[in-house]
Amino acid sequence: MKVTKRYNQNRRDLSIDIECEECGATDTRKNAYDDHNYWANVVPDFKCKECGKSSNDIGTKASDVHTKFSEFETV
């Protein structure tokens, strides 16, 4: 799943819209967290509700999403 839109960010909590690279289905996650681990490890493991595949399952590289705040910055 790749991130198509980020919104409603409050500190490190935010909502995201994601799209499946395999079938193109979209989904919204309202409990996203803005840190490197979330973007690099959690998002690629999201399973599509339509086809059941994740980015890791189909072998695509995780999208390079940058955090709004630096990794060790207290917000």
N, C-alpha and C. Protein backbone atom coordinates (compact mmCIF):
# COMPACT_ATOMS: atom_id res chain seq x y z
N MET A 1 0.85 -1.17 0.00
CA MET A 1 0.00 0.00 0.00
C MET A 1 0.90 1.23 0.00
N LYS A 2 0.56 2.19 -0.83
CA LYS A 2 1.33 3.42 -0.85
C LYS A 2 0.46 4.56 -0.34
N VAL A 3 1.10 5.50 0.32
CA VAL A 3 0.40 6.65 0.90
C VAL A 3 0.12 7.65 -0.21
N THR A 4 -1.14 8.05 -0.35
CA THR A 4 -1.51 9.03 -1.37
C THR A 4 -1.81 10.39 -0.77
N LYS A 5 -2.20 10.43 0.52
CA LYS A 5 -2.53 11.71 1.14
C LYS A 5 -2.36 11.61 2.66
N ARG A 6 -1.83 12.67 3.26
CA ARG A 6 -1.69 12.79 4.71
C ARG A 6 -2.50 14.01 5.15
N TYR A 7 -3.25 13.88 6.25
CA TYR A 7 -4.04 15.02 6.71
C TYR A 7 -4.40 14.86 8.19
N ASN A 8 -4.96 15.92 8.75
CA ASN A 8 -5.38 15.99 10.16
C ASN A 8 -4.25 15.64 11.13
N GLN A 9 -3.04 16.12 10.84
CA GLN A 9 -1.92 15.79 11.72
C GLN A 9 -1.95 16.66 12.97
N ASN A 10 -1.86 16.00 14.12
CA ASN A 10 -1.75 16.65 15.42
C ASN A 10 -0.57 15.99 16.13
N ARG A 11 0.51 16.72 16.26
CA ARG A 11 1.78 16.18 16.75
C ARG A 11 2.21 15.05 15.83
N ARG A 12 2.28 13.83 16.30
CA ARG A 12 2.69 12.72 15.42
C ARG A 12 1.51 11.86 14.97
N ASP A 13 0.32 12.12 15.46
CA ASP A 13 -0.86 11.37 15.04
C ASP A 13 -1.46 12.02 13.81
N LEU A 14 -1.91 11.20 12.85
CA LEU A 14 -2.49 11.74 11.64
C LEU A 14 -3.36 10.70 10.96
N SER A 15 -4.04 11.13 9.92
CA SER A 15 -4.83 10.24 9.07
C SER A 15 -4.14 10.15 7.72
N ILE A 16 -4.28 8.99 7.06
CA ILE A 16 -3.69 8.82 5.74
C ILE A 16 -4.66 8.10 4.81
N ASP A 17 -4.56 8.42 3.53
CA ASP A 17 -5.24 7.66 2.49
C ASP A 17 -4.17 6.81 1.84
N ILE A 18 -4.47 5.53 1.61
CA ILE A 18 -3.52 4.62 0.99
C ILE A 18 -4.15 3.95 -0.22
N GLU A 19 -3.30 3.52 -1.14
CA GLU A 19 -3.76 2.87 -2.37
C GLU A 19 -2.96 1.60 -2.60
N CYS A 20 -3.64 0.55 -3.00
CA CYS A 20 -2.99 -0.73 -3.28
C CYS A 20 -2.27 -0.64 -4.63
N GLU A 21 -1.00 -1.04 -4.65
CA GLU A 21 -0.25 -1.04 -5.90
C GLU A 21 -0.68 -2.17 -6.83
N GLU A 22 -1.31 -3.21 -6.29
CA GLU A 22 -1.72 -4.37 -7.08
C GLU A 22 -3.04 -4.13 -7.80
N CYS A 23 -4.08 -3.73 -7.06
CA CYS A 23 -5.40 -3.62 -7.68
C CYS A 23 -5.95 -2.19 -7.74
N GLY A 24 -5.28 -1.23 -7.06
CA GLY A 24 -5.72 0.16 -7.12
C GLY A 24 -6.79 0.53 -6.11
N ALA A 25 -7.18 -0.39 -5.24
CA ALA A 25 -8.19 -0.09 -4.22
C ALA A 25 -7.64 0.93 -3.22
N THR A 26 -8.52 1.77 -2.68
CA THR A 26 -8.10 2.79 -1.72
C THR A 26 -8.70 2.51 -0.35
N ASP A 27 -8.05 3.05 0.67
CA ASP A 27 -8.49 2.88 2.05
C ASP A 27 -8.03 4.10 2.84
N THR A 28 -8.64 4.33 3.98
CA THR A 28 -8.27 5.42 4.87
C THR A 28 -7.90 4.84 6.22
N ARG A 29 -6.79 5.29 6.78
CA ARG A 29 -6.38 4.91 8.13
C ARG A 29 -6.38 6.17 8.98
N LYS A 30 -7.16 6.16 10.05
CA LYS A 30 -7.28 7.35 10.89
C LYS A 30 -6.39 7.29 12.12
N ASN A 31 -5.59 6.23 12.24
CA ASN A 31 -4.74 6.08 13.41
C ASN A 31 -3.27 5.92 13.02
N ALA A 32 -2.83 6.68 12.03
CA ALA A 32 -1.43 6.61 11.59
C ALA A 32 -0.54 7.36 12.57
N TYR A 33 0.75 7.03 12.52
CA TYR A 33 1.73 7.65 13.42
C TYR A 33 2.94 8.08 12.59
N ASP A 34 3.34 9.31 12.75
CA ASP A 34 4.38 9.90 11.91
C ASP A 34 5.78 9.67 12.49
N ASP A 35 6.32 8.47 12.25
CA ASP A 35 7.73 8.22 12.58
C ASP A 35 8.30 7.27 11.54
N HIS A 36 9.62 7.16 11.50
CA HIS A 36 10.29 6.37 10.47
C HIS A 36 9.85 4.90 10.49
N ASN A 37 9.73 4.31 11.66
CA ASN A 37 9.33 2.91 11.76
C ASN A 37 7.96 2.67 11.12
N TYR A 38 7.03 3.55 11.36
CA TYR A 38 5.68 3.39 10.80
C TYR A 38 5.73 3.39 9.27
N TRP A 39 6.45 4.36 8.69
CA TRP A 39 6.49 4.46 7.23
C TRP A 39 7.29 3.33 6.59
N ALA A 40 8.38 2.90 7.25
CA ALA A 40 9.26 1.89 6.65
C ALA A 40 8.83 0.45 6.91
N ASN A 41 8.17 0.20 8.05
CA ASN A 41 7.86 -1.18 8.43
C ASN A 41 6.38 -1.50 8.54
N VAL A 42 5.57 -0.57 9.00
CA VAL A 42 4.15 -0.85 9.23
C VAL A 42 3.34 -0.69 7.95
N VAL A 43 3.48 0.43 7.25
CA VAL A 43 2.68 0.68 6.05
C VAL A 43 2.90 -0.39 4.98
N PRO A 44 4.13 -0.84 4.70
CA PRO A 44 4.29 -1.89 3.68
C PRO A 44 3.62 -3.21 4.05
N ASP A 45 3.30 -3.43 5.31
CA ASP A 45 2.62 -4.66 5.73
C ASP A 45 1.10 -4.55 5.74
N PHE A 46 0.54 -3.37 5.45
CA PHE A 46 -0.91 -3.23 5.38
C PHE A 46 -1.45 -4.13 4.28
N LYS A 47 -2.46 -4.91 4.59
CA LYS A 47 -3.10 -5.79 3.61
C LYS A 47 -4.27 -5.05 2.96
N CYS A 48 -4.39 -5.17 1.67
CA CYS A 48 -5.49 -4.58 0.92
C CYS A 48 -6.78 -5.31 1.26
N LYS A 49 -7.85 -4.56 1.43
CA LYS A 49 -9.15 -5.18 1.75
C LYS A 49 -9.74 -5.88 0.53
N GLU A 50 -9.33 -5.48 -0.67
CA GLU A 50 -9.88 -6.07 -1.89
C GLU A 50 -9.14 -7.34 -2.32
N CYS A 51 -7.82 -7.23 -2.48
CA CYS A 51 -7.06 -8.37 -3.01
C CYS A 51 -6.27 -9.11 -1.93
N GLY A 52 -6.14 -8.54 -0.73
CA GLY A 52 -5.46 -9.20 0.36
C GLY A 52 -3.95 -9.18 0.31
N LYS A 53 -3.37 -8.38 -0.58
CA LYS A 53 -1.92 -8.33 -0.71
C LYS A 53 -1.37 -7.05 -0.11
N SER A 54 -0.12 -7.14 0.33
CA SER A 54 0.58 -5.96 0.86
C SER A 54 1.72 -5.62 -0.10
N SER A 55 2.35 -4.49 0.13
CA SER A 55 3.52 -4.10 -0.68
C SER A 55 4.61 -5.14 -0.56
N ASN A 56 4.81 -5.68 0.63
CA ASN A 56 5.83 -6.71 0.82
C ASN A 56 5.48 -8.00 0.07
N ASP A 57 4.18 -8.33 -0.02
CA ASP A 57 3.76 -9.54 -0.73
C ASP A 57 4.07 -9.47 -2.22
N ILE A 58 3.90 -8.29 -2.81
CA ILE A 58 4.10 -8.17 -4.26
C ILE A 58 5.52 -7.72 -4.61
N GLY A 59 6.32 -7.44 -3.59
CA GLY A 59 7.73 -7.14 -3.81
C GLY A 59 8.04 -5.71 -4.21
N THR A 60 7.14 -4.77 -3.94
CA THR A 60 7.45 -3.38 -4.25
C THR A 60 8.21 -2.73 -3.10
N LYS A 61 9.00 -1.74 -3.44
CA LYS A 61 9.79 -1.03 -2.44
C LYS A 61 8.88 -0.08 -1.68
N ALA A 62 9.11 0.04 -0.38
CA ALA A 62 8.32 0.95 0.45
C ALA A 62 8.50 2.38 -0.05
N SER A 63 7.40 3.13 -0.10
CA SER A 63 7.50 4.52 -0.53
C SER A 63 8.27 5.32 0.51
N ASP A 64 9.04 6.26 0.04
CA ASP A 64 9.90 7.06 0.91
C ASP A 64 9.10 8.25 1.44
N VAL A 65 8.43 8.06 2.56
CA VAL A 65 7.63 9.13 3.18
C VAL A 65 8.45 9.74 4.31
N HIS A 66 8.56 11.04 4.28
CA HIS A 66 9.36 11.73 5.30
C HIS A 66 8.47 12.20 6.45
N THR A 67 9.03 12.18 7.66
CA THR A 67 8.28 12.64 8.83
C THR A 67 8.23 14.16 8.85
N LYS A 68 7.20 14.70 9.46
CA LYS A 68 7.06 16.15 9.56
C LYS A 68 8.07 16.71 10.55
N PHE A 69 8.34 15.97 11.62
CA PHE A 69 9.28 16.38 12.64
C PHE A 69 10.47 15.42 12.62
N SER A 70 11.64 15.89 13.04
CA SER A 70 12.80 15.00 13.06
C SER A 70 12.57 13.88 14.07
N GLU A 71 13.32 12.80 13.92
CA GLU A 71 13.07 11.58 14.68
C GLU A 71 13.13 11.76 16.19
N PHE A 72 14.02 12.57 16.67
CA PHE A 72 14.17 12.71 18.12
C PHE A 72 13.63 14.04 18.64
N GLU A 73 12.84 14.71 17.85
CA GLU A 73 12.26 15.99 18.24
C GLU A 73 11.01 15.74 19.10
N THR A 74 10.91 16.43 20.22
CA THR A 74 9.74 16.33 21.07
C THR A 74 8.71 17.35 20.61
N VAL A 75 7.49 16.87 20.37
CA VAL A 75 6.43 17.77 19.90
C VAL A 75 5.24 17.72 20.83
